Amino acid sequence: MANQSVILVVEDETDVRETVVEVLSENGLEIIAARDAEEALAAFEAHPEIRVLFTDVTMPGRLDGCDLASEIHALRPDVKVVLTSGKNLPEDCDIPEGGIFVPKPYSPDAIARLIAHILN
């Protein structure tokens, strides 16, 4: 894993997370999946090769996807951020510079193309 860019996928809905992980993996991307922000931060600390954060905004726990994106951006501004939500992006959600918002529902194939584009 250390030689390849890794995508951190954070989604509390198991079916959605598994579908995104499957499609991204089929497109040759290395994936680490997390159910919530706390799990994502632990994975982020353990894997310096993470290059893209793909996270849902609305998640259980003390941090939502906006908070997670802000924390990761503060730690490593080089990590690209893609936020997604079935609701409108909250007004108080500051997408880090260069970040992208993708509304749900989305096509997992479109997400794979977007992330491949971000990495190139």
C-alpha atoms as a PDB file:
ATOM      1  CA  MET A   1       0.000   0.000   0.000  1.00  0.00           C
ATOM      2  CA  ALA A   2       2.866   2.404   0.711  1.00  0.00           C
ATOM      3  CA  ASN A   3       3.689   3.015  -2.960  1.00  0.00           C
ATOM      4  CA  GLN A   4       0.167   3.845  -4.044  1.00  0.00           C
ATOM      5  CA  SER A   5      -2.193   6.710  -3.355  1.00  0.00           C
ATOM      6  CA  VAL A   6      -4.843   5.598  -0.922  1.00  0.00           C
ATOM      7  CA  ILE A   7      -8.432   6.828  -0.714  1.00  0.00           C
ATOM      8  CA  LEU A   8     -10.090   7.108   2.699  1.00  0.00           C
ATOM      9  CA  VAL A   9     -13.836   6.449   2.276  1.00  0.00           C
ATOM     10  CA  VAL A  10     -15.972   7.483   5.247  1.00  0.00           C
ATOM     11  CA  GLU A  11     -19.647   6.526   5.144  1.00  0.00           C
ATOM     12  CA  ASP A  12     -21.870   5.329   7.994  1.00  0.00           C
ATOM     13  CA  GLU A  13     -24.342   3.542   5.691  1.00  0.00           C
ATOM     14  CA  THR A  14     -22.840   0.085   5.176  1.00  0.00           C
ATOM     15  CA  ASP A  15     -24.404  -0.592   1.746  1.00  0.00           C
ATOM     16  CA  VAL A  16     -23.280   2.771   0.362  1.00  0.00           C
ATOM     17  CA  ARG A  17     -19.773   2.393   1.808  1.00  0.00           C
ATOM     18  CA  GLU A  18     -19.368  -1.136   0.439  1.00  0.00           C
ATOM     19  CA  THR A  19     -20.573  -0.116  -3.028  1.00  0.00           C
ATOM     20  CA  VAL A  20     -18.186   2.858  -3.228  1.00  0.00           C
ATOM     21  CA  VAL A  21     -15.274   0.752  -1.959  1.00  0.00           C
ATOM     22  CA  GLU A  22     -16.038  -1.989  -4.496  1.00  0.00           C
ATOM     23  CA  VAL A  23     -16.240   0.386  -7.466  1.00  0.00           C
ATOM     24  CA  LEU A  24     -13.113   2.327  -6.483  1.00  0.00           C
ATOM     25  CA  SER A  25     -11.205  -0.924  -5.952  1.00  0.00           C
ATOM     26  CA  GLU A  26     -12.336  -2.212  -9.356  1.00  0.00           C
ATOM     27  CA  ASN A  27     -10.847   0.980 -10.810  1.00  0.00           C
ATOM     28  CA  GLY A  28      -7.448   0.123  -9.360  1.00  0.00           C
ATOM     29  CA  LEU A  29      -7.581   2.401  -6.331  1.00  0.00           C
ATOM     30  CA  GLU A  30      -6.404   1.364  -2.881  1.00  0.00           C
ATOM     31  CA  ILE A  31      -9.131   2.000  -0.307  1.00  0.00           C
ATOM     32  CA  ILE A  32      -9.378   2.295   3.445  1.00  0.00           C
ATOM     33  CA  ALA A  33     -12.977   2.429   4.677  1.00  0.00           C
ATOM     34  CA  ALA A  34     -14.315   3.880   7.913  1.00  0.00           C
ATOM     35  CA  ARG A  35     -17.796   4.047   9.469  1.00  0.00           C
ATOM     36  CA  ASP A  36     -17.364   7.393  11.217  1.00  0.00           C
ATOM     37  CA  ALA A  37     -14.978  10.281  11.755  1.00  0.00           C
ATOM     38  CA  GLU A  38     -13.259   8.782  14.786  1.00  0.00           C
ATOM     39  CA  GLU A  39     -12.464   5.575  12.892  1.00  0.00           C
ATOM     40  CA  ALA A  40     -11.357   7.688   9.917  1.00  0.00           C
ATOM     41  CA  LEU A  41      -8.948   9.780  12.018  1.00  0.00           C
ATOM     42  CA  ALA A  42      -7.359   6.635  13.442  1.00  0.00           C
ATOM     43  CA  ALA A  43      -6.921   5.242   9.914  1.00  0.00           C
ATOM     44  CA  PHE A  44      -5.557   8.581   8.716  1.00  0.00           C
ATOM     45  CA  GLU A  45      -2.904   8.622  11.432  1.00  0.00           C
ATOM     46  CA  ALA A  46      -1.916   5.035  10.637  1.00  0.00           C
ATOM     47  CA  HIS A  47      -1.700   5.539   6.863  1.00  0.00           C
ATOM     48  CA  PRO A  48       0.371   8.522   5.688  1.00  0.00           C
ATOM     49  CA  GLU A  49      -0.155   7.347   2.087  1.00  0.00           C
ATOM     50  CA  ILE A  50      -3.786   8.583   2.140  1.00  0.00           C
ATOM     51  CA  ARG A  51      -4.172  11.193  -0.610  1.00  0.00           C
ATOM     52  CA  VAL A  52      -7.955  11.657  -0.878  1.00  0.00           C
ATOM     53  CA  LEU A  53     -10.706  11.851   1.733  1.00  0.00           C
ATOM     54  CA  PHE A  54     -14.166  10.931   0.418  1.00  0.00           C
ATOM     55  CA  THR A  55     -16.643  11.499   3.242  1.00  0.00           C
ATOM     56  CA  ASP A  56     -20.322  11.777   3.900  1.00  0.00           C
ATOM     57  CA  VAL A  57     -21.269  14.969   5.744  1.00  0.00           C
ATOM     58  CA  THR A  58     -23.935  13.510   8.048  1.00  0.00           C
ATOM     59  CA  MET A  59     -22.528  10.850  10.365  1.00  0.00           C
ATOM     60  CA  PRO A  60     -23.047   9.737  13.947  1.00  0.00           C
ATOM     61  CA  GLY A  61     -20.487  10.625  16.580  1.00  0.00           C
ATOM     62  CA  ARG A  62     -18.912  13.795  17.860  1.00  0.00           C
ATOM     63  CA  LEU A  63     -17.587  14.825  14.425  1.00  0.00           C
ATOM     64  CA  ASP A  64     -19.460  15.085  11.152  1.00  0.00           C
ATOM     65  CA  GLY A  65     -17.864  14.992   7.703  1.00  0.00           C
ATOM     66  CA  CYS A  66     -17.264  18.756   7.692  1.00  0.00           C
ATOM     67  CA  ASP A  67     -15.392  18.525  11.006  1.00  0.00           C
ATOM     68  CA  LEU A  68     -13.424  15.541   9.714  1.00  0.00           C
ATOM     69  CA  ALA A  69     -12.460  17.372   6.522  1.00  0.00           C
ATOM     70  CA  SER A  70     -11.299  20.385   8.541  1.00  0.00           C
ATOM     71  CA  GLU A  71      -9.214  18.258  10.903  1.00  0.00           C
ATOM     72  CA  ILE A  72      -7.571  16.299   8.097  1.00  0.00           C
ATOM     73  CA  HIS A  73      -6.904  19.481   6.120  1.00  0.00           C
ATOM     74  CA  ALA A  74      -5.294  21.067   9.195  1.00  0.00           C
ATOM     75  CA  LEU A  75      -3.060  18.015   9.637  1.00  0.00           C
ATOM     76  CA  ARG A  76      -2.210  17.572   5.947  1.00  0.00           C
ATOM     77  CA  PRO A  77      -3.347  20.290   3.513  1.00  0.00           C
ATOM     78  CA  ASP A  78      -2.128  18.147   0.590  1.00  0.00           C
ATOM     79  CA  VAL A  79      -4.964  15.634   1.084  1.00  0.00           C
ATOM     80  CA  LYS A  80      -7.786  16.292  -1.381  1.00  0.00           C
ATOM     81  CA  VAL A  81     -11.286  16.397   0.099  1.00  0.00           C
ATOM     82  CA  VAL A  82     -14.542  15.252  -1.486  1.00  0.00           C
ATOM     83  CA  LEU A  83     -17.651  15.777   0.661  1.00  0.00           C
ATOM     84  CA  THR A  84     -21.005  14.229  -0.133  1.00  0.00           C
ATOM     85  CA  SER A  85     -24.498  14.501   1.311  1.00  0.00           C
ATOM     86  CA  GLY A  86     -28.100  13.738   0.498  1.00  0.00           C
ATOM     87  CA  LYS A  87     -28.962  17.074   2.067  1.00  0.00           C
ATOM     88  CA  ASN A  88     -27.674  20.513   1.231  1.00  0.00           C
ATOM     89  CA  LEU A  89     -24.204  21.299   2.452  1.00  0.00           C
ATOM     90  CA  PRO A  90     -24.566  22.939   5.888  1.00  0.00           C
ATOM     91  CA  GLU A  91     -23.928  26.678   5.840  1.00  0.00           C
ATOM     92  CA  ASP A  92     -21.298  26.321   8.551  1.00  0.00           C
ATOM     93  CA  CYS A  93     -19.397  23.685   6.569  1.00  0.00           C
ATOM     94  CA  ASP A  94     -16.167  25.104   5.231  1.00  0.00           C
ATOM     95  CA  ILE A  95     -14.896  22.922   2.421  1.00  0.00           C
ATOM     96  CA  PRO A  96     -11.097  23.026   2.491  1.00  0.00           C
ATOM     97  CA  GLU A  97      -9.403  24.827  -0.399  1.00  0.00           C
ATOM     98  CA  GLY A  98      -9.589  22.671  -3.514  1.00  0.00           C
ATOM     99  CA  GLY A  99     -12.318  20.516  -1.969  1.00  0.00           C
ATOM    100  CA  ILE A 100     -15.369  19.328  -3.880  1.00  0.00           C
ATOM    101  CA  PHE A 101     -18.986  18.750  -2.858  1.00  0.00           C
ATOM    102  CA  VAL A 102     -20.921  15.941  -4.588  1.00  0.00           C
ATOM    103  CA  PRO A 103     -24.662  15.683  -3.876  1.00  0.00           C
ATOM    104  CA  LYS A 104     -26.296  12.293  -3.254  1.00  0.00           C
ATOM    105  CA  PRO A 105     -27.444  10.273  -4.983  1.00  0.00           C
ATOM    106  CA  TYR A 106     -24.299   9.903  -7.042  1.00  0.00           C
ATOM    107  CA  SER A 107     -23.008   7.258  -9.407  1.00  0.00           C
ATOM    108  CA  PRO A 108     -20.145   5.273  -7.847  1.00  0.00           C
ATOM    109  CA  ASP A 109     -18.584   5.156 -11.331  1.00  0.00           C
ATOM    110  CA  ALA A 110     -18.700   8.966 -11.478  1.00  0.00           C
ATOM    111  CA  ILE A 111     -16.973   9.090  -8.080  1.00  0.00           C
ATOM    112  CA  ALA A 112     -14.270   6.729  -9.369  1.00  0.00           C
ATOM    113  CA  ARG A 113     -13.705   9.004 -12.389  1.00  0.00           C
ATOM    114  CA  LEU A 114     -13.654  12.103 -10.170  1.00  0.00           C
ATOM    115  CA  ILE A 115     -11.096  10.627  -7.795  1.00  0.00           C
ATOM    116  CA  ALA A 116      -8.928   9.358 -10.667  1.00  0.00           C
ATOM    117  CA  HIS A 117      -9.017  12.910 -12.069  1.00  0.00           C
ATOM    118  CA  ILE A 118      -8.080  14.392  -8.679  1.00  0.00           C
ATOM    119  CA  LEU A 119      -5.093  12.051  -8.416  1.00  0.00           C
ATOM    120  CA  ASN A 120      -3.797  12.930 -11.898  1.00  0.00           C
END
